[in-house]
Each structure stands twice: as C-alpha cells, then as structure tokens.
Protein backbone atom coordinates (compact mmCIF):
# COMPACT_ATOMS: atom_id res chain seq x y z
CA MET A 1 76.87 68.99 101.71
CA LYS A 2 78.58 72.61 101.56
CA ASN A 3 80.76 71.54 104.31
CA LEU A 4 81.93 68.37 102.96
CA LYS A 5 82.83 69.95 99.59
CA ASN A 6 84.90 72.25 101.43
CA CYS A 7 87.01 69.03 103.48
CA GLY A 8 87.73 68.03 99.93
CA ARG A 9 89.05 71.20 99.12
CA VAL A 10 91.12 71.44 102.65
CA PHE A 11 91.79 67.84 102.08
CA TYR A 12 93.63 68.62 98.55
CA GLY A 13 95.18 71.97 99.87
CA LEU A 14 96.93 69.78 102.33
CA GLY A 15 98.16 67.18 100.20
CA ILE A 16 99.87 69.52 98.16
CA ALA A 17 101.37 72.10 100.65
CA GLY A 18 102.91 68.86 102.32
CA ILE A 19 104.08 67.34 98.81
CA GLY A 20 105.81 70.89 98.44
CA PHE A 21 107.31 70.74 102.27
CA MET A 22 108.53 67.31 101.34
CA HIS A 23 111.30 69.19 98.82
CA PHE A 24 112.49 71.02 101.91
CA LEU A 25 113.15 67.70 103.74
CA TYR A 26 114.96 65.69 101.06
CA PRO A 27 117.32 66.66 98.12
CA GLY A 28 115.96 66.88 94.60
CA PHE A 29 112.86 67.13 92.90
CA ARG A 30 110.63 64.36 94.76
CA PRO A 31 109.52 61.51 91.93
CA ILE A 32 106.08 62.91 91.39
CA ILE A 33 107.05 66.17 90.71
CA ILE A 34 110.31 65.05 88.30
CA PRO A 35 111.84 61.80 87.91
CA LEU A 36 115.31 62.43 88.41
CA PRO A 37 118.25 60.90 90.88
CA PRO A 38 118.40 64.16 93.68
CA ALA A 39 122.60 64.14 92.24
CA ASP A 40 121.61 65.64 88.82
CA THR A 41 119.54 68.44 90.21
CA GLN A 42 122.02 69.41 92.56
CA ASN A 43 123.28 72.46 90.87
CA ILE A 44 119.55 74.19 90.98
CA ALA A 45 118.64 73.36 94.66
CA VAL A 46 117.75 76.70 94.99
CA LEU A 47 115.19 76.37 92.35
CA ILE A 48 113.75 73.16 93.79
CA LEU A 49 113.04 74.97 97.50
CA VAL A 50 111.37 77.36 95.85
CA PHE A 51 109.52 75.55 93.95
CA GLY A 52 108.46 73.37 97.28
CA GLY A 53 107.51 77.05 98.94
CA TYR A 54 105.22 77.58 95.61
CA LEU A 55 103.34 74.42 96.50
CA VAL A 56 103.22 74.86 100.09
CA ALA A 57 101.64 78.09 99.59
CA SER A 58 99.46 77.23 96.83
CA GLY A 59 98.21 74.52 99.31
CA LEU A 60 97.90 76.87 102.05
CA LEU A 61 95.98 78.97 100.26
CA ILE A 62 93.79 76.73 98.48
CA SER A 63 93.08 74.82 102.31
CA PHE A 64 92.13 78.44 103.48
CA GLY A 65 89.90 79.15 100.76
CA LYS A 66 91.91 82.26 99.56
CA PHE A 67 92.15 83.07 95.87
CA VAL A 68 91.26 79.39 95.06
CA GLN A 69 90.39 79.87 91.76
CA PRO A 70 93.07 81.84 90.40
CA ILE A 71 95.72 79.79 92.88
CA SER A 72 94.58 76.16 91.49
CA VAL A 73 94.50 77.54 87.85
CA ALA A 74 97.87 78.36 88.32
CA LEU A 75 98.39 75.26 89.78
CA GLY A 76 97.41 72.80 87.32
CA TYR A 77 98.90 74.61 84.57
CA ILE A 78 102.73 74.07 86.23
CA LEU A 79 101.82 70.69 87.11
CA LEU A 80 100.48 69.62 83.56
CA LEU A 81 103.80 71.67 82.35
CA PHE A 82 106.09 69.56 84.85
CA LEU A 83 104.04 66.00 83.41
CA ILE A 84 104.78 67.18 80.12
CA PHE A 85 108.53 68.66 79.74
CA GLY A 86 109.52 66.79 83.20
CA HIS A 87 108.31 63.24 83.72
CA LEU A 88 107.71 62.61 79.58
CA PRO A 89 111.55 63.34 78.02
CA ASN A 90 112.25 60.71 80.80
CA ARG A 91 109.42 57.97 80.56
CA LEU A 92 109.78 57.92 76.95
CA ARG A 93 113.04 57.37 77.00
CA TYR A 94 113.78 54.40 79.74
CA HIS A 95 115.66 54.93 82.63
CA PRO A 96 116.36 51.62 85.07
CA GLU A 97 116.84 54.19 88.47
CA ILE A 98 113.25 55.44 87.43
CA HIS A 99 110.89 53.73 90.30
CA GLY A 100 107.30 52.59 89.57
CA TYR A 101 107.83 53.99 85.59
CA TRP A 102 104.45 55.49 84.77
CA ILE A 103 102.87 55.60 88.36
CA ASP A 104 103.87 58.76 89.48
CA ALA A 105 103.40 60.84 85.87
CA VAL A 106 99.90 59.37 86.22
CA LYS A 107 99.71 60.57 89.70
CA LEU A 108 100.87 63.91 88.62
CA LEU A 109 98.21 64.20 85.91
CA ALA A 110 95.80 63.60 88.21
CA LEU A 111 96.70 66.09 90.75
CA SER A 112 96.81 68.33 87.93
CA GLY A 113 93.65 67.88 87.13
CA GLY A 114 92.48 67.90 90.53
CA ALA A 115 93.81 71.26 90.60
CA PHE A 116 91.00 72.42 87.85
CA VAL A 117 88.35 70.63 89.77
CA ILE A 118 89.27 72.93 92.52
CA SER A 119 89.12 75.69 90.29
CA LEU A 120 85.49 75.10 88.91
CA ALA A 121 83.88 73.60 91.97
CA PHE A 122 85.17 77.11 93.75
CA PRO A 123 84.73 80.10 91.36
CA ASP A 124 85.00 83.31 92.54
CA GLU A 125 83.65 86.50 90.57
CA ALA A 126 85.67 88.93 91.56
CA VAL A 127 88.99 87.29 90.28
CA PHE A 128 87.53 84.81 87.38
CA LYS A 129 87.40 87.14 84.32
CA PRO A 130 90.88 87.39 84.10
CA PHE A 131 90.93 83.67 84.07
CA LYS A 132 88.86 82.82 81.68
CA LYS A 133 90.63 81.88 78.48
CA SER A 134 92.86 80.49 80.58
CA THR A 135 90.35 77.98 82.12
CA ARG A 136 89.15 76.62 79.03
CA ILE A 137 90.90 73.10 80.10
CA ALA A 138 89.52 73.32 83.40
CA VAL A 139 86.35 71.38 82.16
CA ALA A 140 88.69 68.64 81.58
CA GLY A 141 90.00 68.18 84.99
CA LYS A 142 88.05 65.59 86.31
CA TYR A 143 89.04 63.39 83.29
CA LEU A 144 92.73 63.85 84.14
CA PHE A 145 91.58 62.43 87.42
CA ALA A 146 89.61 59.81 86.05
CA ILE A 147 92.27 58.65 83.81
CA MET A 148 94.59 57.60 86.88
CA LEU A 149 91.52 55.49 88.66
CA VAL A 150 90.75 53.66 85.47
CA ASN A 151 94.71 53.05 85.09
CA PHE A 152 95.31 52.13 88.17
CA GLY A 153 92.26 50.01 88.44
CA ILE A 154 93.34 47.99 85.31
CA GLY A 155 96.64 47.21 87.36
CA HIS A 156 94.89 45.70 90.15
CA LEU A 157 93.15 43.73 88.22
CA LEU A 158 96.49 42.54 85.86
CA ASN A 159 98.61 42.10 89.45
CA PRO A 160 96.48 40.72 92.27
CA VAL A 161 99.02 38.88 93.88
CA LEU A 162 100.90 41.80 93.78
CA VAL A 163 98.46 44.41 94.71
CA GLY A 164 97.86 41.72 97.57
CA GLN A 165 101.03 42.40 99.37
CA LEU A 166 99.89 46.10 99.90
CA VAL A 167 96.38 44.89 101.81
CA PRO A 168 97.40 45.26 105.89
CA ALA A 169 98.21 41.53 106.90
CA TRP A 170 94.82 41.95 109.61
CA ILE A 171 93.00 41.58 107.02
CA PRO A 172 91.76 38.22 105.11
CA PHE A 173 91.17 37.36 101.45
CA PRO A 174 93.96 39.90 100.11
CA VAL A 175 93.68 39.10 96.07
CA PHE A 176 90.21 39.22 96.55
CA TRP A 177 90.04 42.94 97.89
CA ALA A 178 92.88 43.35 95.10
CA TYR A 179 90.57 42.66 92.27
CA PHE A 180 87.25 44.25 94.52
CA THR A 181 89.38 47.51 94.36
CA GLY A 182 90.62 47.39 91.40
CA LEU A 183 87.08 47.53 89.76
CA ALA A 184 86.00 49.74 92.12
CA LEU A 185 88.68 52.39 90.28
CA VAL A 186 87.64 51.32 86.99
CA GLY A 187 84.61 51.72 87.60
CA ALA A 188 84.76 54.96 89.32
CA GLY A 189 86.95 55.81 86.13
CA LEU A 190 84.13 55.29 84.24
CA SER A 191 81.40 57.05 86.15
CA ILE A 192 83.05 60.34 85.87
CA PHE A 193 84.00 59.88 81.86
CA PHE A 194 79.93 58.88 81.48
CA LYS A 195 78.19 61.05 83.84
CA TYR A 196 76.58 58.39 85.63
CA GLN A 197 75.56 58.63 89.38
CA THR A 198 78.92 60.85 89.97
CA LYS A 199 77.73 61.58 93.15
CA TYR A 200 77.56 58.74 95.14
CA ILE A 201 79.82 56.98 93.25
CA GLY A 202 82.43 59.61 94.09
CA LEU A 203 81.31 59.74 97.98
CA LEU A 204 82.26 55.63 97.51
CA LEU A 205 85.68 56.65 95.99
CA ALA A 206 86.35 59.01 98.67
CA SER A 207 85.12 56.56 101.32
CA MET A 208 87.69 53.82 99.88
CA LEU A 209 90.70 56.05 99.25
CA LEU A 210 89.90 57.55 102.86
CA THR A 211 90.06 54.07 104.11
CA TRP A 212 93.47 53.51 102.40
CA LEU A 213 94.92 56.45 103.89
CA LEU A 214 93.83 55.09 107.33
CA SER A 215 94.72 51.83 106.99
CA LEU A 216 97.74 51.58 104.62
CA HIS A 217 99.32 54.44 104.17
CA ILE A 218 99.68 56.64 106.94
CA PRO A 219 100.78 53.26 109.12
CA LEU A 220 103.54 52.78 106.54
CA ALA A 221 104.68 56.61 106.75
CA VAL A 222 104.72 56.23 110.44
CA LYS A 223 106.90 52.35 110.18
CA PHE A 224 108.82 53.55 106.96
CA PRO A 225 109.21 57.40 107.14
CA ALA A 226 112.76 56.95 105.37
CA TRP A 227 112.01 54.68 103.19
CA ARG A 228 113.04 55.93 99.35
CA ASP A 229 113.48 59.47 100.41
CA GLY A 230 109.95 59.80 102.23
CA GLU A 231 108.12 58.16 99.45
CA ASN A 232 105.68 56.11 101.97
CA ILE A 233 105.13 60.28 103.30
CA ILE A 234 104.37 61.61 99.73
CA GLY A 235 101.83 58.62 99.19
CA SER A 236 99.93 59.38 102.43
CA LEU A 237 99.98 63.21 101.14
CA GLU A 238 98.63 61.69 97.76
CA CYS A 239 96.14 59.54 98.51
CA LEU A 240 94.75 62.69 100.92
CA ALA A 241 94.59 64.99 97.75
CA PHE A 242 92.94 61.96 95.76
CA CYS A 243 90.65 61.82 98.38
CA GLY A 244 89.73 65.68 98.12
CA ILE A 245 89.35 65.60 94.17
CA ALA A 246 87.11 62.38 94.84
CA ILE A 247 84.85 64.79 97.04
CA THR A 248 84.60 68.02 95.14
CA ILE A 249 83.30 66.28 91.81
CA ALA A 250 81.12 64.22 93.77
CA LEU A 251 79.64 67.43 95.14
CA SER A 252 79.92 69.66 92.35
CA ASN A 253 77.52 68.97 90.05
CA GLU A 254 78.49 72.52 87.92
CA ILE A 255 81.51 71.19 86.90
CA GLY A 256 82.47 71.45 83.13
CA ARG A 257 78.97 73.71 82.56
CA ASN A 258 79.38 75.93 80.89
CA LYS A 259 78.00 79.04 83.08
CA ASN A 260 81.24 78.30 84.96
CA LEU A 261 83.52 79.42 82.60
CA GLN A 262 81.32 82.07 81.77
CA GLY A 263 81.97 83.50 85.24
CA ASP A 264 78.50 83.14 86.28
CA GLY A 265 79.27 82.64 89.46
CA PRO A 266 79.43 79.56 92.39
CA ASP A 267 77.52 76.62 92.11
CA LYS A 268 74.35 77.73 94.03
CA LYS A 269 72.90 74.08 95.09
CA HIS A 270 75.83 73.54 97.17
C-alpha cells in the first residue's frame, strides 16, 4: 500500500509539472490558472514563464519525494490565491470568451486541495514545525477535492446527452455511462465528506479516473494536441493529478487528524 500511496504523490506531481511546462509551449497563463486571453497577459510574459517554471520545479520535487511537505503546502496556497484573485474576479463578471465558465475554477480548487492532501500524507518532521500554523487549512484539502467531484457529478446527471458525446464511440450506451459516472462522482465526493468507506471508494474513484485518462484524455491529446492551445493535453495532466489525489486520500487514514498538525510524524500505517 505504501508504494501505491507513493504512486499517488508521483501522479499528482507529474500532473502539476506538466501543467507548468505547458506555459512554455503556449502564450499566456493556461486557462486553469487564470482565464484570460493570451493577449491580455503579453506584457507579463516573463512572469508567466517564471510561474510555469515554479510549477515544473514543484511538481518534480513532489514526484521525487523531495521536501514534499513545504513544497506542497506552498503550492496549495499559491493555487488558492490564483483562484481567489484570478478566477473569481473574471468568473463573477461574465466573459463570453471564457470557455467552460466555472469548470477550470473548480478544477483549480481541486488541485489546490490536492496539494494540501499531499502535504498531510507525506509529513517531514525535520521541516514541519515552521509550517505548523500555515497548514491549518490543509485539513480541508480533501473537501476541496470532494467539492469538484460532487459538482462534476451533478453536471453529468444534468447533461447526460452532452456528457455521453465524450464517451468513446466503441463503448455502447453512452448516456448510461454518463449517468453511471455522474452517480459515481457524487458518491465519491459524499464518501469523502462523510468519511464513509473512503479507502475503497477512493481506490475505485482512482481506477475510474485512470480509465478515463487511458481511454478518453490521452487519445484526444494524441489526436488533437493543439486544440485550444493544448487543452486536451492539459486535460490529461489534470486527470493524472486527480487520480493521484484520489489514491492519496484513499490510503492516508491520518489526513485531517490533529496529530499530523502537531508534527507527530508520518502515518505509520502505510
């Protein structure tokens, strides 16, 4: 189980690093970070590259298990700040050029929560004390991820025909799978909120996300890599990161417990 839990950390880190690298391939912030047209950020191109480099470095350090706790705590806060000061001002004032309206904002909320989840799942006694107070919000990380699951699950249930169009053509009964996956997402989110069979439901969620990654996201990224400046590639990276978060939540019984906040060391069960 420990190796699988480490896989969750690696998946999340690689997803973050990949999103950061996409800032070097296309102009402007990627929509999941700030929903602005590239032309609006052309005067801060250097800052965008610096931020992309920061995501790459943070993601790789998390993947390789180096300074995981301080790196992930800082990452969680930074992503949350981009949500509050980047997404919300633009989302609350409707911009027709923003695709997916609240979708990217909810995804960013989940990625921020995922960073906090990682920080509690892989504590480091040597560096934890300076971050004790700053990790108070980290216990809410899994709930930030659960909000996305419930939100997207309801979206599946309200728009089954539209969601069914995303199901690969070789899979029959697409509307059925839209309803099924919608219920699965809502159920997984509620499982996290109510702490009910989180381990098993979390692993099932991770399996479903990995299936989506292999059967849907990667094929789209390979077939249409340049669509909306690489959004299919970013979709694959997001799905990989979400899979990692689900695995980490499922296998981290100590997430959200006070003993981690007090620096009592890593979870000895795993």
